[in-house]
């Protein structure tokens, strides 16, 4: 697998888990479920919480991989901004 392919896969996975984390975070917003006219028995809150937690963990790992992949760019930009 080439470098560009690995970066594209990492970026796509990062996008997917970020969307999952954001959507489940919005669904977990306090008071949203009753405001939508639903009860907590109608919504799989435990599943939503698990998805939110695991996608957040995976997102953290993927962000670290992404930063590592672009470490040269980050280093060059930091030098440009600082100087």
Protein backbone atom coordinates (compact mmCIF):
# COMPACT_ATOMS: atom_id res chain seq x y z
CA UNK A 1 0.00 0.00 0.00
CA UNK A 2 1.40 3.36 -1.00
CA UNK A 3 1.68 6.46 1.17
CA UNK A 4 -1.10 8.32 -0.66
CA UNK A 5 -3.46 5.38 -0.37
CA UNK A 6 -2.76 5.08 3.35
CA UNK A 7 -3.40 8.82 3.83
CA UNK A 8 -6.67 8.58 1.89
CA UNK A 9 -7.86 5.60 3.93
CA UNK A 10 -6.93 7.34 7.17
CA UNK A 11 -8.72 10.53 6.10
CA UNK A 12 -11.85 8.65 5.04
CA UNK A 13 -11.97 6.67 8.30
CA UNK A 14 -11.41 9.89 10.24
CA UNK A 15 -14.34 11.52 8.44
CA UNK A 16 -16.63 8.56 9.08
CA UNK A 17 -15.86 8.24 12.80
CA UNK A 18 -16.11 12.01 13.26
CA UNK A 19 -19.59 12.03 11.72
CA UNK A 20 -20.64 9.10 13.93
CA UNK A 21 -19.25 10.83 17.03
CA UNK A 22 -20.96 14.13 16.22
CA UNK A 23 -24.34 12.57 15.38
CA UNK A 24 -24.37 10.37 18.49
CA UNK A 25 -23.23 13.33 20.58
CA UNK A 26 -26.17 15.37 19.31
CA UNK A 27 -28.54 12.48 20.03
CA UNK A 28 -27.16 12.26 23.58
CA UNK A 29 -27.77 15.98 24.15
CA UNK A 30 -29.65 16.35 27.46
CA UNK A 31 -33.33 16.94 26.86
CA UNK A 32 -33.26 16.34 23.10
CA UNK A 33 -35.06 12.99 23.16
CA UNK A 34 -38.05 14.32 25.16
CA UNK A 35 -38.05 17.50 23.04
CA UNK A 36 -38.49 15.30 19.96
CA UNK A 37 -41.51 13.66 21.58
CA UNK A 38 -39.74 10.38 22.22
CA UNK A 39 -39.18 8.39 25.38
CA UNK A 40 -35.90 6.87 26.48
CA UNK A 41 -37.45 3.41 26.03
CA UNK A 42 -37.99 4.12 22.33
CA UNK A 43 -34.37 5.16 21.72
CA UNK A 44 -31.42 2.75 22.15
CA UNK A 45 -29.50 5.07 24.47
CA UNK A 46 -26.99 2.39 25.53
CA UNK A 47 -26.12 1.66 21.90
CA UNK A 48 -25.82 5.37 21.11
CA UNK A 49 -23.55 5.85 24.14
CA UNK A 50 -21.33 2.91 23.13
CA UNK A 51 -21.09 4.17 19.54
CA UNK A 52 -20.24 7.64 20.79
CA UNK A 53 -17.54 6.42 23.17
CA UNK A 54 -15.87 4.03 20.73
CA UNK A 55 -16.00 6.44 17.80
CA UNK A 56 -14.44 9.11 20.02
CA UNK A 57 -11.61 6.73 20.96
CA UNK A 58 -11.05 5.70 17.35
CA UNK A 59 -11.17 9.33 16.25
CA UNK A 60 -8.43 10.17 18.78
CA UNK A 61 -6.20 7.39 17.42
CA UNK A 62 -6.84 8.42 13.82
CA UNK A 63 -6.08 12.07 14.60
CA UNK A 64 -2.73 11.01 16.07
CA UNK A 65 -2.00 8.92 12.95
CA UNK A 66 -3.04 11.85 10.75
CA UNK A 67 -0.75 14.24 12.62
CA UNK A 68 2.10 11.73 12.26
CA UNK A 69 1.43 11.45 8.52
CA UNK A 70 1.66 15.22 8.10
CA UNK A 71 4.43 15.85 10.62
CA UNK A 72 6.72 17.34 7.95
CA UNK A 73 4.07 19.79 6.80
CA UNK A 74 3.23 20.74 10.38
CA UNK A 75 6.93 21.28 11.16
CA UNK A 76 7.44 23.47 8.06
CA UNK A 77 4.33 25.55 8.76
CA UNK A 78 5.31 26.03 12.40
CA UNK A 79 8.74 27.30 11.33
CA UNK A 80 7.13 29.65 8.82
CA UNK A 81 4.69 31.05 11.36
CA UNK A 82 7.29 31.41 14.12
CA UNK A 83 9.90 33.12 11.94
